[in-house]
Amino acid sequence: MPTLEDLKGYAERATGLQRPGKRKAMDLARVRKSQTVCFKDDSLVPNHPRWPLIIYRNAVAFDARLDAAAVIEDLF
């Protein structure tokens, strides 16, 4: 039975998209200033009264030759 890493290798060969690896993935991460958004309680979505939503725009520079999901996976 193939392992998860074997399956990832099959996907790379089938799509032509590559995994960046942990070192290269770290190079793709960029330092960004965060944006915070607080939502009022609308009784539909559970919001915390003090904790905002934190957004980091363009925090990762994706390369067209790399699989975006693999980049995120290798980063975290």
PDB file of N, CA and C in Angstrom:
ATOM      1  N   MET A   1       0.840  -1.174   0.000  1.00  0.00           N
ATOM      2  CA  MET A   1       0.000   0.000   0.000  1.00  0.00           C
ATOM      3  C   MET A   1       0.892   1.246   0.000  1.00  0.00           C
ATOM      4  N   PRO A   2       0.627   2.199  -0.926  1.00  0.00           N
ATOM      5  CA  PRO A   2       1.485   3.388  -0.996  1.00  0.00           C
ATOM      6  C   PRO A   2       1.306   4.291   0.227  1.00  0.00           C
ATOM      7  N   THR A   3       2.405   4.924   0.599  1.00  0.00           N
ATOM      8  CA  THR A   3       2.353   5.859   1.719  1.00  0.00           C
ATOM      9  C   THR A   3       1.871   7.223   1.225  1.00  0.00           C
ATOM     10  N   LEU A   4       1.622   8.115   2.160  1.00  0.00           N
ATOM     11  CA  LEU A   4       1.181   9.458   1.801  1.00  0.00           C
ATOM     12  C   LEU A   4       2.225  10.155   0.937  1.00  0.00           C
ATOM     13  N   GLU A   5       3.484   9.978   1.258  1.00  0.00           N
ATOM     14  CA  GLU A   5       4.552  10.602   0.472  1.00  0.00           C
ATOM     15  C   GLU A   5       4.593  10.036  -0.949  1.00  0.00           C
ATOM     16  N   ASP A   6       4.324   8.731  -1.103  1.00  0.00           N
ATOM     17  CA  ASP A   6       4.255   8.142  -2.442  1.00  0.00           C
ATOM     18  C   ASP A   6       3.127   8.771  -3.240  1.00  0.00           C
ATOM     19  N   LEU A   7       1.976   8.946  -2.610  1.00  0.00           N
ATOM     20  CA  LEU A   7       0.831   9.552  -3.287  1.00  0.00           C
ATOM     21  C   LEU A   7       1.121  10.993  -3.691  1.00  0.00           C
ATOM     22  N   LYS A   8       1.831  11.724  -2.833  1.00  0.00           N
ATOM     23  CA  LYS A   8       2.206  13.099  -3.169  1.00  0.00           C
ATOM     24  C   LYS A   8       3.131  13.109  -4.388  1.00  0.00           C
ATOM     25  N   GLY A   9       4.043  12.159  -4.445  1.00  0.00           N
ATOM     26  CA  GLY A   9       4.938  12.053  -5.593  1.00  0.00           C
ATOM     27  C   GLY A   9       4.189  11.739  -6.871  1.00  0.00           C
ATOM     28  N   TYR A  10       3.199  10.855  -6.801  1.00  0.00           N
ATOM     29  CA  TYR A  10       2.366  10.547  -7.970  1.00  0.00           C
ATOM     30  C   TYR A  10       1.631  11.789  -8.449  1.00  0.00           C
ATOM     31  N   ALA A  11       1.101  12.574  -7.505  1.00  0.00           N
ATOM     32  CA  ALA A  11       0.376  13.803  -7.858  1.00  0.00           C
ATOM     33  C   ALA A  11       1.307  14.813  -8.516  1.00  0.00           C
ATOM     34  N   GLU A  12       2.541  14.914  -8.025  1.00  0.00           N
ATOM     35  CA  GLU A  12       3.516  15.825  -8.633  1.00  0.00           C
ATOM     36  C   GLU A  12       3.792  15.441 -10.075  1.00  0.00           C
ATOM     37  N   ARG A  13       3.998  14.179 -10.303  1.00  0.00           N
ATOM     38  CA  ARG A  13       4.291  13.728 -11.664  1.00  0.00           C
ATOM     39  C   ARG A  13       3.082  13.877 -12.577  1.00  0.00           C
ATOM     40  N   ALA A  14       1.878  13.675 -12.055  1.00  0.00           N
ATOM     41  CA  ALA A  14       0.670  13.764 -12.877  1.00  0.00           C
ATOM     42  C   ALA A  14       0.342  15.214 -13.246  1.00  0.00           C
ATOM     43  N   THR A  15       0.547  16.144 -12.324  1.00  0.00           N
ATOM     44  CA  THR A  15       0.176  17.540 -12.570  1.00  0.00           C
ATOM     45  C   THR A  15       1.318  18.381 -13.100  1.00  0.00           C
ATOM     46  N   GLY A  16       2.550  17.965 -12.875  1.00  0.00           N
ATOM     47  CA  GLY A  16       3.704  18.770 -13.249  1.00  0.00           C
ATOM     48  C   GLY A  16       4.041  19.823 -12.210  1.00  0.00           C
ATOM     49  N   LEU A  17       3.223  19.926 -11.166  1.00  0.00           N
ATOM     50  CA  LEU A  17       3.484  20.879 -10.096  1.00  0.00           C
ATOM     51  C   LEU A  17       4.353  20.212  -9.045  1.00  0.00           C
ATOM     52  N   GLN A  18       5.284  20.965  -8.497  1.00  0.00           N
ATOM     53  CA  GLN A  18       6.243  20.393  -7.563  1.00  0.00           C
ATOM     54  C   GLN A  18       5.995  20.877  -6.143  1.00  0.00           C
ATOM     55  N   ARG A  19       6.497  20.101  -5.194  1.00  0.00           N
ATOM     56  CA  ARG A  19       6.494  20.519  -3.787  1.00  0.00           C
ATOM     57  C   ARG A  19       7.725  21.381  -3.572  1.00  0.00           C
ATOM     58  N   PRO A  20       7.595  22.448  -2.794  1.00  0.00           N
ATOM     59  CA  PRO A  20       8.748  23.316  -2.592  1.00  0.00           C
ATOM     60  C   PRO A  20       9.769  22.781  -1.596  1.00  0.00           C
ATOM     61  N   GLY A  21       9.333  21.966  -0.650  1.00  0.00           N
ATOM     62  CA  GLY A  21      10.214  21.555   0.430  1.00  0.00           C
ATOM     63  C   GLY A  21      10.181  22.621   1.520  1.00  0.00           C
ATOM     64  N   LYS A  22      10.527  22.236   2.710  1.00  0.00           N
ATOM     65  CA  LYS A  22      10.383  23.140   3.859  1.00  0.00           C
ATOM     66  C   LYS A  22      11.279  24.375   3.759  1.00  0.00           C
ATOM     67  N   ARG A  23      12.506  24.224   3.285  1.00  0.00           N
ATOM     68  CA  ARG A  23      13.416  25.379   3.194  1.00  0.00           C
ATOM     69  C   ARG A  23      12.944  26.386   2.149  1.00  0.00           C
ATOM     70  N   LYS A  24      12.573  25.905   0.975  1.00  0.00           N
ATOM     71  CA  LYS A  24      12.118  26.820  -0.076  1.00  0.00           C
ATOM     72  C   LYS A  24      10.781  27.440   0.299  1.00  0.00           C
ATOM     73  N   ALA A  25       9.916  26.690   0.985  1.00  0.00           N
ATOM     74  CA  ALA A  25       8.630  27.236   1.409  1.00  0.00           C
ATOM     75  C   ALA A  25       8.836  28.418   2.346  1.00  0.00           C
ATOM     76  N   MET A  26       9.823  28.333   3.210  1.00  0.00           N
ATOM     77  CA  MET A  26      10.118  29.443   4.119  1.00  0.00           C
ATOM     78  C   MET A  26      10.559  30.690   3.343  1.00  0.00           C
ATOM     79  N   ASP A  27      11.241  30.490   2.219  1.00  0.00           N
ATOM     80  CA  ASP A  27      11.665  31.625   1.392  1.00  0.00           C
ATOM     81  C   ASP A  27      10.471  32.293   0.712  1.00  0.00           C
ATOM     82  N   LEU A  28       9.385  31.557   0.521  1.00  0.00           N
ATOM     83  CA  LEU A  28       8.200  32.110  -0.131  1.00  0.00           C
ATOM     84  C   LEU A  28       7.324  32.919   0.823  1.00  0.00           C
ATOM     85  N   ALA A  29       7.511  32.734   2.117  1.00  0.00           N
ATOM     86  CA  ALA A  29       6.734  33.481   3.109  1.00  0.00           C
ATOM     87  C   ALA A  29       7.278  34.904   3.190  1.00  0.00           C
ATOM     88  N   ARG A  30       6.352  35.866   3.274  1.00  0.00           N
ATOM     89  CA  ARG A  30       6.740  37.274   3.333  1.00  0.00           C
ATOM     90  C   ARG A  30       6.223  37.898   4.627  1.00  0.00           C
ATOM     91  N   VAL A  31       6.977  38.826   5.146  1.00  0.00           N
ATOM     92  CA  VAL A  31       6.539  39.558   6.330  1.00  0.00           C
ATOM     93  C   VAL A  31       5.510  40.594   5.880  1.00  0.00           C
ATOM     94  N   ARG A  32       4.365  40.559   6.500  1.00  0.00           N
ATOM     95  CA  ARG A  32       3.284  41.483   6.161  1.00  0.00           C
ATOM     96  C   ARG A  32       2.684  42.064   7.429  1.00  0.00           C
ATOM     97  N   LYS A  33       2.148  43.242   7.303  1.00  0.00           N
ATOM     98  CA  LYS A  33       1.440  43.855   8.410  1.00  0.00           C
ATOM     99  C   LYS A  33       0.031  43.277   8.436  1.00  0.00           C
ATOM    100  N   SER A  34      -0.448  42.994   9.626  1.00  0.00           N
ATOM    101  CA  SER A  34      -1.773  42.385   9.740  1.00  0.00           C
ATOM    102  C   SER A  34      -2.868  43.440   9.701  1.00  0.00           C
ATOM    103  N   GLN A  35      -4.026  43.000   9.249  1.00  0.00           N
ATOM    104  CA  GLN A  35      -5.233  43.822   9.270  1.00  0.00           C
ATOM    105  C   GLN A  35      -6.228  43.112  10.166  1.00  0.00           C
ATOM    106  N   THR A  36      -6.835  43.820  11.077  1.00  0.00           N
ATOM    107  CA  THR A  36      -7.809  43.206  11.974  1.00  0.00           C
ATOM    108  C   THR A  36      -9.198  43.754  11.681  1.00  0.00           C
ATOM    109  N   VAL A  37     -10.187  42.888  11.811  1.00  0.00           N
ATOM    110  CA  VAL A  37     -11.586  43.254  11.576  1.00  0.00           C
ATOM    111  C   VAL A  37     -12.411  42.694  12.724  1.00  0.00           C
ATOM    112  N   CYS A  38     -13.195  43.540  13.326  1.00  0.00           N
ATOM    113  CA  CYS A  38     -14.114  43.102  14.380  1.00  0.00           C
ATOM    114  C   CYS A  38     -15.531  43.110  13.825  1.00  0.00           C
ATOM    115  N   PHE A  39     -16.272  42.068  14.121  1.00  0.00           N
ATOM    116  CA  PHE A  39     -17.651  41.953  13.661  1.00  0.00           C
ATOM    117  C   PHE A  39     -18.601  42.116  14.828  1.00  0.00           C
ATOM    118  N   LYS A  40     -19.711  42.777  14.562  1.00  0.00           N
ATOM    119  CA  LYS A  40     -20.751  42.861  15.578  1.00  0.00           C
ATOM    120  C   LYS A  40     -21.485  41.538  15.633  1.00  0.00           C
ATOM    121  N   ASP A  41     -22.030  41.225  16.761  1.00  0.00           N
ATOM    122  CA  ASP A  41     -22.789  39.988  16.923  1.00  0.00           C
ATOM    123  C   ASP A  41     -24.095  40.095  16.137  1.00  0.00           C
ATOM    124  N   ASP A  42     -24.273  39.212  15.155  1.00  0.00           N
ATOM    125  CA  ASP A  42     -25.504  39.209  14.373  1.00  0.00           C
ATOM    126  C   ASP A  42     -26.369  37.992  14.685  1.00  0.00           C
ATOM    127  N   SER A  43     -25.960  37.197  15.637  1.00  0.00           N
ATOM    128  CA  SER A  43     -26.665  35.990  16.079  1.00  0.00           C
ATOM    129  C   SER A  43     -26.661  34.873  15.037  1.00  0.00           C
ATOM    130  N   LEU A  44     -26.000  35.076  13.917  1.00  0.00           N
ATOM    131  CA  LEU A  44     -25.901  34.036  12.892  1.00  0.00           C
ATOM    132  C   LEU A  44     -24.537  33.353  12.919  1.00  0.00           C
ATOM    133  N   VAL A  45     -23.510  34.154  13.071  1.00  0.00           N
ATOM    134  CA  VAL A  45     -22.144  33.638  13.098  1.00  0.00           C
ATOM    135  C   VAL A  45     -21.586  33.892  14.493  1.00  0.00           C
ATOM    136  N   PRO A  46     -21.034  32.864  15.132  1.00  0.00           N
ATOM    137  CA  PRO A  46     -20.483  33.093  16.467  1.00  0.00           C
ATOM    138  C   PRO A  46     -19.201  33.929  16.394  1.00  0.00           C
ATOM    139  N   ASN A  47     -19.253  35.092  16.982  1.00  0.00           N
ATOM    140  CA  ASN A  47     -18.099  35.992  17.024  1.00  0.00           C
ATOM    141  C   ASN A  47     -17.675  36.179  18.469  1.00  0.00           C
ATOM    142  N   HIS A  48     -16.380  36.311  18.653  1.00  0.00           N
ATOM    143  CA  HIS A  48     -15.886  36.574  19.997  1.00  0.00           C
ATOM    144  C   HIS A  48     -15.924  38.083  20.217  1.00  0.00           C
ATOM    145  N   PRO A  49     -16.364  38.534  21.374  1.00  0.00           N
ATOM    146  CA  PRO A  49     -16.495  39.982  21.589  1.00  0.00           C
ATOM    147  C   PRO A  49     -15.170  40.742  21.591  1.00  0.00           C
ATOM    148  N   ARG A  50     -14.038  40.079  21.885  1.00  0.00           N
ATOM    149  CA  ARG A  50     -12.751  40.777  21.950  1.00  0.00           C
ATOM    150  C   ARG A  50     -11.758  40.328  20.881  1.00  0.00           C
ATOM    151  N   TRP A  51     -11.899  39.147  20.339  1.00  0.00           N
ATOM    152  CA  TRP A  51     -10.902  38.632  19.404  1.00  0.00           C
ATOM    153  C   TRP A  51     -11.305  38.939  17.966  1.00  0.00           C
ATOM    154  N   PRO A  52     -10.485  39.698  17.246  1.00  0.00           N
ATOM    155  CA  PRO A  52     -10.832  40.055  15.872  1.00  0.00           C
ATOM    156  C   PRO A  52     -10.396  38.975  14.871  1.00  0.00           C
ATOM    157  N   LEU A  53     -10.901  39.105  13.678  1.00  0.00           N
ATOM    158  CA  LEU A  53     -10.410  38.329  12.542  1.00  0.00           C
ATOM    159  C   LEU A  53      -9.104  38.991  12.128  1.00  0.00           C
ATOM    160  N   ILE A  54      -8.044  38.201  11.920  1.00  0.00           N
ATOM    161  CA  ILE A  54      -6.743  38.743  11.525  1.00  0.00           C
ATOM    162  C   ILE A  54      -6.455  38.303  10.100  1.00  0.00           C
ATOM    163  N   ILE A  55      -6.134  39.276   9.257  1.00  0.00           N
ATOM    164  CA  ILE A  55      -5.882  39.013   7.835  1.00  0.00           C
ATOM    165  C   ILE A  55      -4.458  39.425   7.497  1.00  0.00           C
ATOM    166  N   TYR A  56      -3.727  38.532   6.835  1.00  0.00           N
ATOM    167  CA  TYR A  56      -2.411  38.839   6.292  1.00  0.00           C
ATOM    168  C   TYR A  56      -2.519  38.705   4.774  1.00  0.00           C
ATOM    169  N   ARG A  57      -2.575  39.815   4.079  1.00  0.00           N
ATOM    170  CA  ARG A  57      -2.720  39.789   2.615  1.00  0.00           C
ATOM    171  C   ARG A  57      -1.371  39.495   1.953  1.00  0.00           C
ATOM    172  N   ASN A  58      -1.398  38.632   0.962  1.00  0.00           N
ATOM    173  CA  ASN A  58      -0.196  38.269   0.198  1.00  0.00           C
ATOM    174  C   ASN A  58       0.953  37.830   1.090  1.00  0.00           C
ATOM    175  N   ALA A  59       0.655  37.018   2.074  1.00  0.00           N
ATOM    176  CA  ALA A  59       1.676  36.558   3.014  1.00  0.00           C
ATOM    177  C   ALA A  59       2.595  35.500   2.406  1.00  0.00           C
ATOM    178  N   VAL A  60       2.159  34.888   1.309  1.00  0.00           N
ATOM    179  CA  VAL A  60       2.974  33.866   0.658  1.00  0.00           C
ATOM    180  C   VAL A  60       3.082  34.218  -0.823  1.00  0.00           C
ATOM    181  N   ALA A  61       4.295  34.214  -1.341  1.00  0.00           N
ATOM    182  CA  ALA A  61       4.534  34.465  -2.761  1.00  0.00           C
ATOM    183  C   ALA A  61       4.492  33.122  -3.480  1.00  0.00           C
ATOM    184  N   PHE A  62       3.383  32.843  -4.142  1.00  0.00           N
ATOM    185  CA  PHE A  62       3.238  31.565  -4.825  1.00  0.00           C
ATOM    186  C   PHE A  62       3.952  31.589  -6.165  1.00  0.00           C
ATOM    187  N   ASP A  63       4.630  30.501  -6.466  1.00  0.00           N
ATOM    188  CA  ASP A  63       5.338  30.317  -7.719  1.00  0.00           C
ATOM    189  C   ASP A  63       4.457  29.448  -8.621  1.00  0.00           C
ATOM    190  N   ALA A  64       4.354  29.802  -9.888  1.00  0.00           N
ATOM    191  CA  ALA A  64       3.474  29.072 -10.809  1.00  0.00           C
ATOM    192  C   ALA A  64       3.903  27.614 -10.993  1.00  0.00           C
ATOM    193  N   ARG A  65       5.184  27.299 -10.757  1.00  0.00           N
ATOM    194  CA  ARG A  65       5.658  25.924 -10.924  1.00  0.00           C
ATOM    195  C   ARG A  65       5.391  25.052  -9.714  1.00  0.00           C
ATOM    196  N   LEU A  66       4.970  25.688  -8.601  1.00  0.00           N
ATOM    197  CA  LEU A  66       4.764  24.944  -7.360  1.00  0.00           C
ATOM    198  C   LEU A  66       3.278  24.775  -7.082  1.00  0.00           C
ATOM    199  N   ASP A  67       2.952  23.679  -6.443  1.00  0.00           N
ATOM    200  CA  ASP A  67       1.587  23.409  -6.022  1.00  0.00           C
ATOM    201  C   ASP A  67       1.281  24.278  -4.801  1.00  0.00           C
ATOM    202  N   ALA A  68       0.281  25.161  -4.905  1.00  0.00           N
ATOM    203  CA  ALA A  68      -0.031  26.101  -3.828  1.00  0.00           C
ATOM    204  C   ALA A  68      -0.391  25.375  -2.530  1.00  0.00           C
ATOM    205  N   ALA A  69      -1.157  24.296  -2.636  1.00  0.00           N
ATOM    206  CA  ALA A  69      -1.519  23.532  -1.443  1.00  0.00           C
ATOM    207  C   ALA A  69      -0.279  22.916  -0.793  1.00  0.00           C
ATOM    208  N   ALA A  70       0.663  22.469  -1.589  1.00  0.00           N
ATOM    209  CA  ALA A  70       1.890  21.886  -1.061  1.00  0.00           C
ATOM    210  C   ALA A  70       2.742  22.949  -0.384  1.00  0.00           C
ATOM    211  N   VAL A  71       2.730  24.179  -0.911  1.00  0.00           N
ATOM    212  CA  VAL A  71       3.477  25.270  -0.293  1.00  0.00           C
ATOM    213  C   VAL A  71       2.944  25.521   1.117  1.00  0.00           C
ATOM    214  N   ILE A  72       1.628  25.645   1.239  1.00  0.00           N
ATOM    215  CA  ILE A  72       1.014  25.875   2.539  1.00  0.00           C
ATOM    216  C   ILE A  72       1.282  24.705   3.476  1.00  0.00           C
ATOM    217  N   GLU A  73       1.181  23.485   2.956  1.00  0.00           N
ATOM    218  CA  GLU A  73       1.438  22.303   3.770  1.00  0.00           C
ATOM    219  C   GLU A  73       2.875  22.290   4.292  1.00  0.00           C
ATOM    220  N   ASP A  74       3.828  22.631   3.443  1.00  0.00           N
ATOM    221  CA  ASP A  74       5.228  22.640   3.858  1.00  0.00           C
ATOM    222  C   ASP A  74       5.527  23.778   4.838  1.00  0.00           C
ATOM    223  N   LEU A  75       4.783  24.890   4.724  1.00  0.00           N
ATOM    224  CA  LEU A  75       4.977  25.993   5.660  1.00  0.00           C
ATOM    225  C   LEU A  75       4.486  25.620   7.060  1.00  0.00           C
ATOM    226  N   PHE A  76       3.374  24.910   7.113  1.00  0.00           N
ATOM    227  CA  PHE A  76       2.782  24.625   8.416  1.00  0.00           C
ATOM    228  C   PHE A  76       2.969  23.177   8.799  1.00  0.00           C
TER     229      PHE A  76
END
